Amino acid sequence: MTEAIHTPHLADRSLAIENALYIFNAIKSLDENIALVPDSFINRRANQVLKEATEFLERVEKEGLFRALEKGEFADIKRSENGGKGLNGVFRKDLEYYNPFLEKMKKELGV
């Protein structure tokens, strides 16, 4: 898949949603077939990931979103608050703009 910030292809987003729905359908009854032991590797790892994510979000909240972006807190990608392309190359949607996938995606996502 391409990175949307550089190449915003709707097909990539559609494929990502399609793949996510495939996975959700494939594992919808997984809990009926697997019992997790409280101190198992999976539970320990899940708790570790949750703890690290919580600490990360608390850090971002404390220092602010733009400072965290400048420091490269998100995927080690640094973005200056005043740098980048900004609005250069961004266009207003025409009143006649139509995205044929938008309604289908909203319906499938229940949005």
PDB file of N, CA and C in Angstrom:
ATOM      1  N   MET A   1       0.826  -1.183   0.000  1.00  0.00           N
ATOM      2  CA  MET A   1       0.000   0.000   0.000  1.00  0.00           C
ATOM      3  C   MET A   1       0.870   1.245   0.000  1.00  0.00           C
ATOM      4  N   THR A   2       0.331   2.292  -0.510  1.00  0.00           N
ATOM      5  CA  THR A   2       1.054   3.559  -0.529  1.00  0.00           C
ATOM      6  C   THR A   2       0.721   4.352   0.724  1.00  0.00           C
ATOM      7  N   GLU A   3       1.559   5.325   1.032  1.00  0.00           N
ATOM      8  CA  GLU A   3       1.311   6.175   2.196  1.00  0.00           C
ATOM      9  C   GLU A   3       0.404   7.316   1.766  1.00  0.00           C
ATOM     10  N   ALA A   4      -0.751   7.414   2.392  1.00  0.00           N
ATOM     11  CA  ALA A   4      -1.787   8.358   1.950  1.00  0.00           C
ATOM     12  C   ALA A   4      -1.318   9.801   1.927  1.00  0.00           C
ATOM     13  N   ILE A   5      -0.419  10.169   2.815  1.00  0.00           N
ATOM     14  CA  ILE A   5       0.015  11.567   2.844  1.00  0.00           C
ATOM     15  C   ILE A   5       0.747  11.942   1.564  1.00  0.00           C
ATOM     16  N   HIS A   6       1.379  10.975   0.927  1.00  0.00           N
ATOM     17  CA  HIS A   6       2.125  11.244  -0.302  1.00  0.00           C
ATOM     18  C   HIS A   6       1.317  10.912  -1.550  1.00  0.00           C
ATOM     19  N   THR A   7       0.612   9.813  -1.509  1.00  0.00           N
ATOM     20  CA  THR A   7      -0.175   9.386  -2.667  1.00  0.00           C
ATOM     21  C   THR A   7      -1.541   8.911  -2.180  1.00  0.00           C
ATOM     22  N   PRO A   8      -2.489   9.806  -2.091  1.00  0.00           N
ATOM     23  CA  PRO A   8      -3.789   9.461  -1.499  1.00  0.00           C
ATOM     24  C   PRO A   8      -4.685   8.660  -2.436  1.00  0.00           C
ATOM     25  N   HIS A   9      -4.365   7.406  -2.640  1.00  0.00           N
ATOM     26  CA  HIS A   9      -5.151   6.567  -3.539  1.00  0.00           C
ATOM     27  C   HIS A   9      -6.327   5.945  -2.787  1.00  0.00           C
ATOM     28  N   LEU A  10      -7.521   6.196  -3.260  1.00  0.00           N
ATOM     29  CA  LEU A  10      -8.705   5.627  -2.627  1.00  0.00           C
ATOM     30  C   LEU A  10      -8.711   4.112  -2.700  1.00  0.00           C
ATOM     31  N   ALA A  11      -8.106   3.565  -3.744  1.00  0.00           N
ATOM     32  CA  ALA A  11      -8.078   2.109  -3.885  1.00  0.00           C
ATOM     33  C   ALA A  11      -7.348   1.475  -2.712  1.00  0.00           C
ATOM     34  N   ASP A  12      -6.285   2.127  -2.220  1.00  0.00           N
ATOM     35  CA  ASP A  12      -5.555   1.601  -1.065  1.00  0.00           C
ATOM     36  C   ASP A  12      -6.452   1.561   0.161  1.00  0.00           C
ATOM     37  N   ARG A  13      -7.189   2.630   0.374  1.00  0.00           N
ATOM     38  CA  ARG A  13      -8.067   2.694   1.542  1.00  0.00           C
ATOM     39  C   ARG A  13      -9.178   1.660   1.431  1.00  0.00           C
ATOM     40  N   SER A  14      -9.719   1.526   0.244  1.00  0.00           N
ATOM     41  CA  SER A  14     -10.768   0.542   0.019  1.00  0.00           C
ATOM     42  C   SER A  14     -10.240  -0.867   0.265  1.00  0.00           C
ATOM     43  N   LEU A  15      -9.043  -1.145  -0.221  1.00  0.00           N
ATOM     44  CA  LEU A  15      -8.433  -2.458  -0.013  1.00  0.00           C
ATOM     45  C   LEU A  15      -8.177  -2.706   1.468  1.00  0.00           C
ATOM     46  N   ALA A  16      -7.723  -1.699   2.189  1.00  0.00           N
ATOM     47  CA  ALA A  16      -7.468  -1.845   3.623  1.00  0.00           C
ATOM     48  C   ALA A  16      -8.758  -2.177   4.367  1.00  0.00           C
ATOM     49  N   ILE A  17      -9.846  -1.495   4.021  1.00  0.00           N
ATOM     50  CA  ILE A  17     -11.136  -1.766   4.660  1.00  0.00           C
ATOM     51  C   ILE A  17     -11.615  -3.166   4.313  1.00  0.00           C
ATOM     52  N   GLU A  18     -11.475  -3.544   3.062  1.00  0.00           N
ATOM     53  CA  GLU A  18     -11.875  -4.887   2.620  1.00  0.00           C
ATOM     54  C   GLU A  18     -11.089  -5.955   3.380  1.00  0.00           C
ATOM     55  N   ASN A  19      -9.788  -5.750   3.526  1.00  0.00           N
ATOM     56  CA  ASN A  19      -8.952  -6.711   4.249  1.00  0.00           C
ATOM     57  C   ASN A  19      -9.328  -6.782   5.721  1.00  0.00           C
ATOM     58  N   ALA A  20      -9.608  -5.635   6.331  1.00  0.00           N
ATOM     59  CA  ALA A  20      -9.998  -5.615   7.739  1.00  0.00           C
ATOM     60  C   ALA A  20     -11.310  -6.372   7.938  1.00  0.00           C
ATOM     61  N   LEU A  21     -12.281  -6.153   7.060  1.00  0.00           N
ATOM     62  CA  LEU A  21     -13.554  -6.863   7.157  1.00  0.00           C
ATOM     63  C   LEU A  21     -13.363  -8.370   6.988  1.00  0.00           C
ATOM     64  N   TYR A  22     -12.459  -8.759   6.097  1.00  0.00           N
ATOM     65  CA  TYR A  22     -12.155 -10.180   5.895  1.00  0.00           C
ATOM     66  C   TYR A  22     -11.631 -10.789   7.195  1.00  0.00           C
ATOM     67  N   ILE A  23     -10.692 -10.093   7.836  1.00  0.00           N
ATOM     68  CA  ILE A  23     -10.115 -10.584   9.094  1.00  0.00           C
ATOM     69  C   ILE A  23     -11.184 -10.641  10.181  1.00  0.00           C
ATOM     70  N   PHE A  24     -11.981  -9.573  10.315  1.00  0.00           N
ATOM     71  CA  PHE A  24     -13.022  -9.556  11.338  1.00  0.00           C
ATOM     72  C   PHE A  24     -13.984 -10.725  11.161  1.00  0.00           C
ATOM     73  N   ASN A  25     -14.375 -11.010   9.934  1.00  0.00           N
ATOM     74  CA  ASN A  25     -15.279 -12.132   9.677  1.00  0.00           C
ATOM     75  C   ASN A  25     -14.613 -13.466   9.973  1.00  0.00           C
ATOM     76  N   ALA A  26     -13.324 -13.569   9.665  1.00  0.00           N
ATOM     77  CA  ALA A  26     -12.609 -14.831   9.866  1.00  0.00           C
ATOM     78  C   ALA A  26     -12.434 -15.162  11.344  1.00  0.00           C
ATOM     79  N   ILE A  27     -12.349 -14.153  12.200  1.00  0.00           N
ATOM     80  CA  ILE A  27     -12.087 -14.418  13.618  1.00  0.00           C
ATOM     81  C   ILE A  27     -13.276 -14.122  14.528  1.00  0.00           C
ATOM     82  N   LYS A  28     -14.450 -13.914  13.954  1.00  0.00           N
ATOM     83  CA  LYS A  28     -15.582 -13.493  14.784  1.00  0.00           C
ATOM     84  C   LYS A  28     -15.947 -14.503  15.875  1.00  0.00           C
ATOM     85  N   SER A  29     -15.676 -15.775  15.693  1.00  0.00           N
ATOM     86  CA  SER A  29     -15.986 -16.764  16.737  1.00  0.00           C
ATOM     87  C   SER A  29     -14.719 -17.366  17.340  1.00  0.00           C
ATOM     88  N   LEU A  30     -13.618 -16.677  17.202  1.00  0.00           N
ATOM     89  CA  LEU A  30     -12.342 -17.183  17.720  1.00  0.00           C
ATOM     90  C   LEU A  30     -12.395 -17.393  19.230  1.00  0.00           C
ATOM     91  N   ASP A  31     -13.078 -16.510  19.951  1.00  0.00           N
ATOM     92  CA  ASP A  31     -13.138 -16.624  21.404  1.00  0.00           C
ATOM     93  C   ASP A  31     -13.828 -17.905  21.867  1.00  0.00           C
ATOM     94  N   GLU A  32     -14.637 -18.509  21.022  1.00  0.00           N
ATOM     95  CA  GLU A  32     -15.301 -19.762  21.370  1.00  0.00           C
ATOM     96  C   GLU A  32     -14.344 -20.949  21.293  1.00  0.00           C
ATOM     97  N   ASN A  33     -13.212 -20.761  20.630  1.00  0.00           N
ATOM     98  CA  ASN A  33     -12.284 -21.862  20.398  1.00  0.00           C
ATOM     99  C   ASN A  33     -10.962 -21.729  21.138  1.00  0.00           C
ATOM    100  N   ILE A  34     -10.711 -20.584  21.741  1.00  0.00           N
ATOM    101  CA  ILE A  34      -9.430 -20.363  22.409  1.00  0.00           C
ATOM    102  C   ILE A  34      -9.676 -19.824  23.810  1.00  0.00           C
ATOM    103  N   ALA A  35      -8.978 -20.392  24.777  1.00  0.00           N
ATOM    104  CA  ALA A  35      -9.028 -19.888  26.148  1.00  0.00           C
ATOM    105  C   ALA A  35      -7.645 -19.359  26.492  1.00  0.00           C
ATOM    106  N   LEU A  36      -7.571 -18.105  26.895  1.00  0.00           N
ATOM    107  CA  LEU A  36      -6.287 -17.508  27.228  1.00  0.00           C
ATOM    108  C   LEU A  36      -6.016 -17.641  28.718  1.00  0.00           C
ATOM    109  N   VAL A  37      -4.855 -18.150  29.040  1.00  0.00           N
ATOM    110  CA  VAL A  37      -4.427 -18.282  30.428  1.00  0.00           C
ATOM    111  C   VAL A  37      -4.030 -16.889  30.917  1.00  0.00           C
ATOM    112  N   PRO A  38      -4.442 -16.507  32.134  1.00  0.00           N
ATOM    113  CA  PRO A  38      -4.164 -15.148  32.615  1.00  0.00           C
ATOM    114  C   PRO A  38      -2.700 -14.711  32.521  1.00  0.00           C
ATOM    115  N   ASP A  39      -1.757 -15.594  32.758  1.00  0.00           N
ATOM    116  CA  ASP A  39      -0.348 -15.193  32.701  1.00  0.00           C
ATOM    117  C   ASP A  39       0.340 -15.725  31.442  1.00  0.00           C
ATOM    118  N   SER A  40      -0.429 -15.932  30.388  1.00  0.00           N
ATOM    119  CA  SER A  40       0.147 -16.458  29.149  1.00  0.00           C
ATOM    120  C   SER A  40       0.940 -15.378  28.425  1.00  0.00           C
ATOM    121  N   PHE A  41       1.738 -15.794  27.462  1.00  0.00           N
ATOM    122  CA  PHE A  41       2.523 -14.852  26.660  1.00  0.00           C
ATOM    123  C   PHE A  41       1.623 -13.812  26.004  1.00  0.00           C
ATOM    124  N   ILE A  42       0.506 -14.270  25.439  1.00  0.00           N
ATOM    125  CA  ILE A  42      -0.396 -13.359  24.728  1.00  0.00           C
ATOM    126  C   ILE A  42      -0.943 -12.296  25.677  1.00  0.00           C
ATOM    127  N   ASN A  43      -1.378 -12.709  26.872  1.00  0.00           N
ATOM    128  CA  ASN A  43      -1.903 -11.731  27.827  1.00  0.00           C
ATOM    129  C   ASN A  43      -0.823 -10.782  28.319  1.00  0.00           C
ATOM    130  N   ARG A  44       0.358 -11.301  28.592  1.00  0.00           N
ATOM    131  CA  ARG A  44       1.454 -10.429  29.037  1.00  0.00           C
ATOM    132  C   ARG A  44       1.806  -9.421  27.949  1.00  0.00           C
ATOM    133  N   ARG A  45       1.876  -9.896  26.707  1.00  0.00           N
ATOM    134  CA  ARG A  45       2.217  -9.004  25.594  1.00  0.00           C
ATOM    135  C   ARG A  45       1.114  -7.964  25.375  1.00  0.00           C
ATOM    136  N   ALA A  46      -0.137  -8.388  25.441  1.00  0.00           N
ATOM    137  CA  ALA A  46      -1.253  -7.450  25.275  1.00  0.00           C
ATOM    138  C   ALA A  46      -1.202  -6.368  26.350  1.00  0.00           C
ATOM    139  N   ASN A  47      -0.928  -6.754  27.583  1.00  0.00           N
ATOM    140  CA  ASN A  47      -0.835  -5.775  28.668  1.00  0.00           C
ATOM    141  C   ASN A  47       0.349  -4.840  28.480  1.00  0.00           C
ATOM    142  N   GLN A  48       1.460  -5.376  27.974  1.00  0.00           N
ATOM    143  CA  GLN A  48       2.635  -4.543  27.709  1.00  0.00           C
ATOM    144  C   GLN A  48       2.326  -3.507  26.622  1.00  0.00           C
ATOM    145  N   VAL A  49       1.704  -3.960  25.541  1.00  0.00           N
ATOM    146  CA  VAL A  49       1.355  -3.051  24.443  1.00  0.00           C
ATOM    147  C   VAL A  49       0.379  -1.981  24.928  1.00  0.00           C
ATOM    148  N   LEU A  50      -0.613  -2.383  25.712  1.00  0.00           N
ATOM    149  CA  LEU A  50      -1.580  -1.427  26.250  1.00  0.00           C
ATOM    150  C   LEU A  50      -0.888  -0.403  27.152  1.00  0.00           C
ATOM    151  N   LYS A  51       0.020  -0.866  27.999  1.00  0.00           N
ATOM    152  CA  LYS A  51       0.761   0.029  28.898  1.00  0.00           C
ATOM    153  C   LYS A  51       1.603   1.019  28.095  1.00  0.00           C
ATOM    154  N   GLU A  52       2.335   0.523  27.101  1.00  0.00           N
ATOM    155  CA  GLU A  52       3.183   1.399  26.286  1.00  0.00           C
ATOM    156  C   GLU A  52       2.347   2.401  25.487  1.00  0.00           C
ATOM    157  N   ALA A  53       1.209   1.956  24.967  1.00  0.00           N
ATOM    158  CA  ALA A  53       0.336   2.860  24.211  1.00  0.00           C
ATOM    159  C   ALA A  53      -0.229   3.946  25.121  1.00  0.00           C
ATOM    160  N   THR A  54      -0.614   3.566  26.331  1.00  0.00           N
ATOM    161  CA  THR A  54      -1.136   4.538  27.295  1.00  0.00           C
ATOM    162  C   THR A  54      -0.065   5.554  27.662  1.00  0.00           C
ATOM    163  N   GLU A  55       1.153   5.078  27.925  1.00  0.00           N
ATOM    164  CA  GLU A  55       2.260   5.981  28.256  1.00  0.00           C
ATOM    165  C   GLU A  55       2.557   6.929  27.093  1.00  0.00           C
ATOM    166  N   PHE A  56       2.520   6.401  25.884  1.00  0.00           N
ATOM    167  CA  PHE A  56       2.757   7.217  24.697  1.00  0.00           C
ATOM    168  C   PHE A  56       1.713   8.326  24.585  1.00  0.00           C
ATOM    169  N   LEU A  57       0.444   7.955  24.712  1.00  0.00           N
ATOM    170  CA  LEU A  57      -0.626   8.944  24.592  1.00  0.00           C
ATOM    171  C   LEU A  57      -0.567   9.980  25.713  1.00  0.00           C
ATOM    172  N   GLU A  58      -0.174   9.557  26.908  1.00  0.00           N
ATOM    173  CA  GLU A  58      -0.015  10.511  28.011  1.00  0.00           C
ATOM    174  C   GLU A  58       1.127  11.481  27.718  1.00  0.00           C
ATOM    175  N   ARG A  59       2.211  10.973  27.128  1.00  0.00           N
ATOM    176  CA  ARG A  59       3.341  11.826  26.745  1.00  0.00           C
ATOM    177  C   ARG A  59       2.908  12.844  25.690  1.00  0.00           C
ATOM    178  N   VAL A  60       2.166  12.375  24.699  1.00  0.00           N
ATOM    179  CA  VAL A  60       1.678  13.264  23.642  1.00  0.00           C
ATOM    180  C   VAL A  60       0.747  14.317  24.241  1.00  0.00           C
ATOM    181  N   GLU A  61      -0.111  13.902  25.149  1.00  0.00           N
ATOM    182  CA  GLU A  61      -1.024  14.857  25.784  1.00  0.00           C
ATOM    183  C   GLU A  61      -0.241  15.912  26.569  1.00  0.00           C
ATOM    184  N   LYS A  62       0.807  15.481  27.274  1.00  0.00           N
ATOM    185  CA  LYS A  62       1.601  16.395  28.103  1.00  0.00           C
ATOM    186  C   LYS A  62       2.389  17.400  27.251  1.00  0.00           C
ATOM    187  N   GLU A  63       3.050  16.918  26.206  1.00  0.00           N
ATOM    188  CA  GLU A  63       3.904  17.814  25.417  1.00  0.00           C
ATOM    189  C   GLU A  63       3.175  18.478  24.256  1.00  0.00           C
ATOM    190  N   GLY A  64       2.018  17.961  23.902  1.00  0.00           N
ATOM    191  CA  GLY A  64       1.239  18.526  22.805  1.00  0.00           C
ATOM    192  C   GLY A  64       1.480  17.770  21.508  1.00  0.00           C
ATOM    193  N   LEU A  65       0.451  17.738  20.690  1.00  0.00           N
ATOM    194  CA  LEU A  65       0.500  16.981  19.444  1.00  0.00           C
ATOM    195  C   LEU A  65       1.583  17.482  18.501  1.00  0.00           C
ATOM    196  N   PHE A  66       1.658  18.796  18.304  1.00  0.00           N
ATOM    197  CA  PHE A  66       2.630  19.314  17.342  1.00  0.00           C
ATOM    198  C   PHE A  66       4.061  19.079  17.800  1.00  0.00           C
ATOM    199  N   ARG A  67       4.322  19.213  19.097  1.00  0.00           N
ATOM    200  CA  ARG A  67       5.677  18.955  19.613  1.00  0.00           C
ATOM    201  C   ARG A  67       6.028  17.476  19.421  1.00  0.00           C
ATOM    202  N   ALA A  68       5.074  16.588  19.673  1.00  0.00           N
ATOM    203  CA  ALA A  68       5.311  15.154  19.479  1.00  0.00           C
ATOM    204  C   ALA A  68       5.608  14.851  18.013  1.00  0.00           C
ATOM    205  N   LEU A  69       4.892  15.511  17.107  1.00  0.00           N
ATOM    206  CA  LEU A  69       5.153  15.326  15.675  1.00  0.00           C
ATOM    207  C   LEU A  69       6.543  15.836  15.310  1.00  0.00           C
ATOM    208  N   GLU A  70       6.917  16.982  15.864  1.00  0.00           N
ATOM    209  CA  GLU A  70       8.244  17.543  15.578  1.00  0.00           C
ATOM    210  C   GLU A  70       9.356  16.628  16.077  1.00  0.00           C
ATOM    211  N   LYS A  71       9.126  15.960  17.199  1.00  0.00           N
ATOM    212  CA  LYS A  71      10.135  15.069  17.778  1.00  0.00           C
ATOM    213  C   LYS A  71      10.190  13.708  17.079  1.00  0.00           C
ATOM    214  N   GLY A  72       9.237  13.430  16.221  1.00  0.00           N
ATOM    215  CA  GLY A  72       9.227  12.147  15.528  1.00  0.00           C
ATOM    216  C   GLY A  72       8.646  11.023  16.360  1.00  0.00           C
ATOM    217  N   GLU A  73       7.735  11.364  17.260  1.00  0.00           N
ATOM    218  CA  GLU A  73       7.126  10.359  18.138  1.00  0.00           C
ATOM    219  C   GLU A  73       6.253   9.357  17.369  1.00  0.00           C
ATOM    220  N   PHE A  74       5.745   9.771  16.222  1.00  0.00           N
ATOM    221  CA  PHE A  74       4.874   8.901  15.436  1.00  0.00           C
ATOM    222  C   PHE A  74       5.689   8.240  14.334  1.00  0.00           C
ATOM    223  N   ALA A  75       5.972   6.962  14.488  1.00  0.00           N
ATOM    224  CA  ALA A  75       6.689   6.168  13.479  1.00  0.00           C
ATOM    225  C   ALA A  75       8.035   6.781  13.101  1.00  0.00           C
ATOM    226  N   ASP A  76       8.657   7.490  14.041  1.00  0.00           N
ATOM    227  CA  ASP A  76       9.975   8.106  13.811  1.00  0.00           C
ATOM    228  C   ASP A  76       9.988   9.052  12.615  1.00  0.00           C
ATOM    229  N   ILE A  77       8.842   9.635  12.298  1.00  0.00           N
ATOM    230  CA  ILE A  77       8.751  10.593  11.194  1.00  0.00           C
ATOM    231  C   ILE A  77       8.592  11.980  11.798  1.00  0.00           C
ATOM    232  N   LYS A  78       9.578  12.829  11.574  1.00  0.00           N
ATOM    233  CA  LYS A  78       9.556  14.177  12.134  1.00  0.00           C
ATOM    234  C   LYS A  78       8.889  15.137  11.155  1.00  0.00           C
ATOM    235  N   ARG A  79       7.992  15.950  11.694  1.00  0.00           N
ATOM    236  CA  ARG A  79       7.294  16.947  10.889  1.00  0.00           C
ATOM    237  C   ARG A  79       7.281  18.266  11.648  1.00  0.00           C
ATOM    238  N   SER A  80       7.859  19.287  11.058  1.00  0.00           N
ATOM    239  CA  SER A  80       7.862  20.613  11.660  1.00  0.00           C
ATOM    240  C   SER A  80       6.462  21.210  11.589  1.00  0.00           C
ATOM    241  N   GLU A  81       6.073  21.912  12.641  1.00  0.00           N
ATOM    242  CA  GLU A  81       4.739  22.519  12.660  1.00  0.00           C
ATOM    243  C   GLU A  81       4.573  23.525  11.528  1.00  0.00           C
ATOM    244  N   ASN A  82       5.635  24.233  11.216  1.00  0.00           N
ATOM    245  CA  ASN A  82       5.563  25.245  10.161  1.00  0.00           C
ATOM    246  C   ASN A  82       6.213  24.790   8.857  1.00  0.00           C
ATOM    247  N   GLY A  83       6.652  23.554   8.800  1.00  0.00           N
ATOM    248  CA  GLY A  83       7.310  23.052   7.598  1.00  0.00           C
ATOM    249  C   GLY A  83       6.353  22.279   6.719  1.00  0.00           C
ATOM    250  N   GLY A  84       6.898  21.537   5.805  1.00  0.00           N
ATOM    251  CA  GLY A  84       6.080  20.724   4.914  1.00  0.00           C
ATOM    252  C   GLY A  84       5.476  21.528   3.782  1.00  0.00           C
ATOM    253  N   LYS A  85       4.572  20.914   3.090  1.00  0.00           N
ATOM    254  CA  LYS A  85       3.975  21.539   1.913  1.00  0.00           C
ATOM    255  C   LYS A  85       2.825  22.469   2.272  1.00  0.00           C
ATOM    256  N   GLY A  86       2.242  22.263   3.442  1.00  0.00           N
ATOM    257  CA  GLY A  86       1.124  23.119   3.834  1.00  0.00           C
ATOM    258  C   GLY A  86      -0.013  23.034   2.844  1.00  0.00           C
ATOM    259  N   LEU A  87      -0.579  24.165   2.529  1.00  0.00           N
ATOM    260  CA  LEU A  87      -1.719  24.195   1.610  1.00  0.00           C
ATOM    261  C   LEU A  87      -1.306  24.211   0.150  1.00  0.00           C
ATOM    262  N   ASN A  88      -0.005  24.304  -0.109  1.00  0.00           N
ATOM    263  CA  ASN A  88       0.463  24.304  -1.484  1.00  0.00           C
ATOM    264  C   ASN A  88       0.099  22.969  -2.139  1.00  0.00           C
ATOM    265  N   GLY A  89      -0.653  23.013  -3.188  1.00  0.00           N
ATOM    266  CA  GLY A  89      -1.049  21.787  -3.874  1.00  0.00           C
ATOM    267  C   GLY A  89      -2.375  21.223  -3.404  1.00  0.00           C
ATOM    268  N   VAL A  90      -2.992  21.841  -2.392  1.00  0.00           N
ATOM    269  CA  VAL A  90      -4.300  21.402  -1.914  1.00  0.00           C
ATOM    270  C   VAL A  90      -5.361  22.262  -2.593  1.00  0.00           C
ATOM    271  N   PHE A  91      -6.398  21.620  -3.079  1.00  0.00           N
ATOM    272  CA  PHE A  91      -7.445  22.340  -3.799  1.00  0.00           C
ATOM    273  C   PHE A  91      -8.785  22.155  -3.100  1.00  0.00           C
ATOM    274  N   ARG A  92      -9.618  23.148  -3.208  1.00  0.00           N
ATOM    275  CA  ARG A  92     -10.988  23.021  -2.703  1.00  0.00           C
ATOM    276  C   ARG A  92     -11.753  22.051  -3.599  1.00  0.00           C
ATOM    277  N   LYS A  93     -12.639  21.288  -2.964  1.00  0.00           N
ATOM    278  CA  LYS A  93     -13.490  20.406  -3.753  1.00  0.00           C
ATOM    279  C   LYS A  93     -14.477  21.253  -4.543  1.00  0.00           C
ATOM    280  N   ASP A  94     -14.647  20.901  -5.776  1.00  0.00           N
ATOM    281  CA  ASP A  94     -15.632  21.561  -6.615  1.00  0.00           C
ATOM    282  C   ASP A  94     -17.027  21.185  -6.114  1.00  0.00           C
ATOM    283  N   LEU A  95     -17.984  22.055  -6.296  1.00  0.00           N
ATOM    284  CA  LEU A  95     -19.355  21.752  -5.887  1.00  0.00           C
ATOM    285  C   LEU A  95     -19.885  20.499  -6.573  1.00  0.00           C
ATOM    286  N   GLU A  96     -19.349  20.194  -7.749  1.00  0.00           N
ATOM    287  CA  GLU A  96     -19.781  19.025  -8.515  1.00  0.00           C
ATOM    288  C   GLU A  96     -18.944  17.778  -8.210  1.00  0.00           C
ATOM    289  N   TYR A  97     -18.014  17.867  -7.250  1.00  0.00           N
ATOM    290  CA  TYR A  97     -17.142  16.732  -6.922  1.00  0.00           C
ATOM    291  C   TYR A  97     -17.983  15.539  -6.495  1.00  0.00           C
ATOM    292  N   TYR A  98     -17.617  14.372  -6.992  1.00  0.00           N
ATOM    293  CA  TYR A  98     -18.330  13.147  -6.642  1.00  0.00           C
ATOM    294  C   TYR A  98     -17.325  12.027  -6.454  1.00  0.00           C
ATOM    295  N   ASN A  99     -17.402  11.370  -5.333  1.00  0.00           N
ATOM    296  CA  ASN A  99     -16.550  10.227  -5.047  1.00  0.00           C
ATOM    297  C   ASN A  99     -17.448   8.992  -5.062  1.00  0.00           C
ATOM    298  N   PRO A 100     -17.330   8.136  -6.068  1.00  0.00           N
ATOM    299  CA  PRO A 100     -18.234   6.984  -6.190  1.00  0.00           C
ATOM    300  C   PRO A 100     -18.072   5.953  -5.079  1.00  0.00           C
ATOM    301  N   PHE A 101     -16.968   5.989  -4.357  1.00  0.00           N
ATOM    302  CA  PHE A 101     -16.727   4.992  -3.316  1.00  0.00           C
ATOM    303  C   PHE A 101     -17.197   5.451  -1.938  1.00  0.00           C
ATOM    304  N   LEU A 102     -17.339   6.750  -1.751  1.00  0.00           N
ATOM    305  CA  LEU A 102     -17.600   7.303  -0.429  1.00  0.00           C
ATOM    306  C   LEU A 102     -18.868   6.749   0.211  1.00  0.00           C
ATOM    307  N   GLU A 103     -19.972   6.755  -0.497  1.00  0.00           N
ATOM    308  CA  GLU A 103     -21.232   6.266   0.072  1.00  0.00           C
ATOM    309  C   GLU A 103     -21.146   4.780   0.417  1.00  0.00           C
ATOM    310  N   LYS A 104     -20.525   3.998  -0.450  1.00  0.00           N
ATOM    311  CA  LYS A 104     -20.384   2.558  -0.183  1.00  0.00           C
ATOM    312  C   LYS A 104     -19.523   2.331   1.056  1.00  0.00           C
ATOM    313  N   MET A 105     -18.423   3.075   1.160  1.00  0.00           N
ATOM    314  CA  MET A 105     -17.542   2.927   2.317  1.00  0.00           C
ATOM    315  C   MET A 105     -18.266   3.338   3.601  1.00  0.00           C
ATOM    316  N   LYS A 106     -19.012   4.436   3.555  1.00  0.00           N
ATOM    317  CA  LYS A 106     -19.762   4.880   4.731  1.00  0.00           C
ATOM    318  C   LYS A 106     -20.781   3.825   5.147  1.00  0.00           C
ATOM    319  N   LYS A 107     -21.459   3.254   4.162  1.00  0.00           N
ATOM    320  CA  LYS A 107     -22.476   2.241   4.452  1.00  0.00           C
ATOM    321  C   LYS A 107     -21.835   1.013   5.094  1.00  0.00           C
ATOM    322  N   GLU A 108     -20.731   0.546   4.523  1.00  0.00           N
ATOM    323  CA  GLU A 108     -20.060  -0.639   5.052  1.00  0.00           C
ATOM    324  C   GLU A 108     -19.491  -0.405   6.445  1.00  0.00           C
ATOM    325  N   LEU A 109     -19.062   0.823   6.716  1.00  0.00           N
ATOM    326  CA  LEU A 109     -18.493   1.148   8.024  1.00  0.00           C
ATOM    327  C   LEU A 109     -19.560   1.565   9.032  1.00  0.00           C
ATOM    328  N   GLY A 110     -20.783   1.761   8.551  1.00  0.00           N
ATOM    329  CA  GLY A 110     -21.855   2.190   9.436  1.00  0.00           C
ATOM    330  C   GLY A 110     -21.696   3.621   9.915  1.00  0.00           C
ATOM    331  N   VAL A 111     -21.108   4.449   9.057  1.00  0.00           N
ATOM    332  CA  VAL A 111     -20.872   5.858   9.420  1.00  0.00           C
ATOM    333  C   VAL A 111     -21.962   6.733   8.863  1.00  0.00           C
TER     334      VAL A 111
END
